Amino acid sequence: MSGKTVASLIAGLVIGIAVGALGWHPEAKATPNRAEGWEYKTVLLRRTDAEFAGGAENKLNALAKDGWEYIGPVYSDLPVIAFKRLRK
């Protein structure tokens, strides 16, 4: 290939990449309507035989099915965890 052909290919490649990059926008993430807001729930997980023989797992799955999202522990002397969901 001649020098002009190589230079033209490189210039075309650079322009193509630049135009493609300018036209690319990251996908927008849906955010909850601020007017609706969040509601919060705290759950005490007690150490009873029924709770820890699968009961705690069932309780957490039921909360998830109802739209509750795990946030994290609530700092206290008891095993309390927090959940949130959009207001209904």
C-alpha atoms as a PDB file:
ATOM      1  CA  MET A   1       0.000   0.000   0.000  1.00  0.00           C
ATOM      2  CA  SER A   2       1.096   3.499  -0.662  1.00  0.00           C
ATOM      3  CA  GLY A   3       1.729   6.044   2.067  1.00  0.00           C
ATOM      4  CA  LYS A   4      -1.381   8.027   1.078  1.00  0.00           C
ATOM      5  CA  THR A   5      -3.605   4.945   1.371  1.00  0.00           C
ATOM      6  CA  VAL A   6      -2.286   4.064   4.827  1.00  0.00           C
ATOM      7  CA  ALA A   7      -2.673   7.676   5.997  1.00  0.00           C
ATOM      8  CA  SER A   8      -6.240   7.774   4.623  1.00  0.00           C
ATOM      9  CA  LEU A   9      -7.130   4.508   6.382  1.00  0.00           C
ATOM     10  CA  ILE A  10      -5.720   5.736   9.691  1.00  0.00           C
ATOM     11  CA  ALA A  11      -7.506   9.097   9.367  1.00  0.00           C
ATOM     12  CA  GLY A  12     -10.788   7.346   8.531  1.00  0.00           C
ATOM     13  CA  LEU A  13     -10.382   5.011  11.482  1.00  0.00           C
ATOM     14  CA  VAL A  14      -9.667   7.885  13.887  1.00  0.00           C
ATOM     15  CA  ILE A  15     -12.647   9.889  12.592  1.00  0.00           C
ATOM     16  CA  GLY A  16     -14.924   6.834  12.793  1.00  0.00           C
ATOM     17  CA  ILE A  17     -13.947   6.129  16.387  1.00  0.00           C
ATOM     18  CA  ALA A  18     -14.354   9.801  17.358  1.00  0.00           C
ATOM     19  CA  VAL A  19     -17.819  10.052  15.780  1.00  0.00           C
ATOM     20  CA  GLY A  20     -18.881   6.768  17.385  1.00  0.00           C
ATOM     21  CA  ALA A  21     -17.668   7.887  20.808  1.00  0.00           C
ATOM     22  CA  LEU A  22     -19.519  11.200  20.556  1.00  0.00           C
ATOM     23  CA  GLY A  23     -22.759   9.436  19.708  1.00  0.00           C
ATOM     24  CA  TRP A  24     -22.505   6.918  22.561  1.00  0.00           C
ATOM     25  CA  HIS A  25     -24.341   7.683  25.781  1.00  0.00           C
ATOM     26  CA  PRO A  26     -24.404   5.378  28.793  1.00  0.00           C
ATOM     27  CA  GLU A  27     -27.766   3.842  29.575  1.00  0.00           C
ATOM     28  CA  ALA A  28     -29.749   5.944  32.018  1.00  0.00           C
ATOM     29  CA  LYS A  29     -30.656   4.198  35.232  1.00  0.00           C
ATOM     30  CA  ALA A  30     -34.232   4.508  36.422  1.00  0.00           C
ATOM     31  CA  THR A  31     -34.544   6.312  39.718  1.00  0.00           C
ATOM     32  CA  PRO A  32     -37.563   6.270  41.971  1.00  0.00           C
ATOM     33  CA  ASN A  33     -39.905   9.221  41.864  1.00  0.00           C
ATOM     34  CA  ARG A  34     -38.783  11.413  44.745  1.00  0.00           C
ATOM     35  CA  ALA A  35     -42.385  12.406  45.478  1.00  0.00           C
ATOM     36  CA  GLU A  36     -43.202   8.773  46.260  1.00  0.00           C
ATOM     37  CA  GLY A  37     -40.179   8.242  48.489  1.00  0.00           C
ATOM     38  CA  TRP A  38     -39.149   5.181  50.397  1.00  0.00           C
ATOM     39  CA  GLU A  39     -40.717   3.393  53.301  1.00  0.00           C
ATOM     40  CA  TYR A  40     -38.598   1.476  55.765  1.00  0.00           C
ATOM     41  CA  LYS A  41     -39.070  -1.608  57.901  1.00  0.00           C
ATOM     42  CA  THR A  42     -36.961  -3.153  60.632  1.00  0.00           C
ATOM     43  CA  VAL A  43     -37.077  -6.856  61.412  1.00  0.00           C
ATOM     44  CA  LEU A  44     -35.924  -8.598  64.561  1.00  0.00           C
ATOM     45  CA  LEU A  45     -34.497 -12.052  63.866  1.00  0.00           C
ATOM     46  CA  ARG A  46     -34.944 -14.023  67.080  1.00  0.00           C
ATOM     47  CA  ARG A  47     -32.855 -17.054  67.870  1.00  0.00           C
ATOM     48  CA  THR A  48     -35.597 -19.600  68.331  1.00  0.00           C
ATOM     49  CA  ASP A  49     -35.488 -23.121  66.984  1.00  0.00           C
ATOM     50  CA  ALA A  50     -38.263 -22.380  64.489  1.00  0.00           C
ATOM     51  CA  GLU A  51     -36.533 -19.240  63.221  1.00  0.00           C
ATOM     52  CA  PHE A  52     -33.171 -20.812  62.495  1.00  0.00           C
ATOM     53  CA  ALA A  53     -34.475 -24.127  61.165  1.00  0.00           C
ATOM     54  CA  GLY A  54     -35.336 -22.373  57.901  1.00  0.00           C
ATOM     55  CA  GLY A  55     -37.768 -19.897  59.424  1.00  0.00           C
ATOM     56  CA  ALA A  56     -35.428 -16.926  59.042  1.00  0.00           C
ATOM     57  CA  GLU A  57     -34.875 -17.780  55.384  1.00  0.00           C
ATOM     58  CA  ASN A  58     -38.632 -18.026  54.823  1.00  0.00           C
ATOM     59  CA  LYS A  59     -39.166 -14.675  56.545  1.00  0.00           C
ATOM     60  CA  LEU A  60     -36.509 -12.970  54.386  1.00  0.00           C
ATOM     61  CA  ASN A  61     -37.892 -14.510  51.180  1.00  0.00           C
ATOM     62  CA  ALA A  62     -41.405 -13.331  52.073  1.00  0.00           C
ATOM     63  CA  LEU A  63     -40.120  -9.788  52.610  1.00  0.00           C
ATOM     64  CA  ALA A  64     -38.327  -9.830  49.246  1.00  0.00           C
ATOM     65  CA  LYS A  65     -41.442 -11.118  47.497  1.00  0.00           C
ATOM     66  CA  ASP A  66     -43.375  -8.193  49.000  1.00  0.00           C
ATOM     67  CA  GLY A  67     -40.893  -5.716  47.493  1.00  0.00           C
ATOM     68  CA  TRP A  68     -38.640  -5.120  50.480  1.00  0.00           C
ATOM     69  CA  GLU A  69     -34.940  -4.632  49.707  1.00  0.00           C
ATOM     70  CA  TYR A  70     -32.290  -5.427  52.333  1.00  0.00           C
ATOM     71  CA  ILE A  71     -30.361  -2.350  53.488  1.00  0.00           C
ATOM     72  CA  GLY A  72     -28.199  -3.635  56.327  1.00  0.00           C
ATOM     73  CA  PRO A  73     -28.012  -4.147  60.056  1.00  0.00           C
ATOM     74  CA  VAL A  74     -29.424  -1.676  62.551  1.00  0.00           C
ATOM     75  CA  TYR A  75     -26.892  -1.242  65.299  1.00  0.00           C
ATOM     76  CA  SER A  76     -28.347  -2.379  68.589  1.00  0.00           C
ATOM     77  CA  ASP A  77     -27.952  -5.159  71.121  1.00  0.00           C
ATOM     78  CA  LEU A  78     -30.498  -7.224  69.180  1.00  0.00           C
ATOM     79  CA  PRO A  79     -30.157  -8.821  65.718  1.00  0.00           C
ATOM     80  CA  VAL A  80     -32.234  -6.195  63.865  1.00  0.00           C
ATOM     81  CA  ILE A  81     -31.940  -5.660  60.109  1.00  0.00           C
ATOM     82  CA  ALA A  82     -33.444  -2.931  57.924  1.00  0.00           C
ATOM     83  CA  PHE A  83     -35.306  -3.077  54.605  1.00  0.00           C
ATOM     84  CA  LYS A  84     -36.690  -0.459  52.212  1.00  0.00           C
ATOM     85  CA  ARG A  85     -39.140  -0.327  49.309  1.00  0.00           C
ATOM     86  CA  LEU A  86     -40.907   2.305  47.260  1.00  0.00           C
ATOM     87  CA  ARG A  87     -44.088   3.556  48.867  1.00  0.00           C
ATOM     88  CA  LYS A  88     -47.178   1.814  47.566  1.00  0.00           C
END
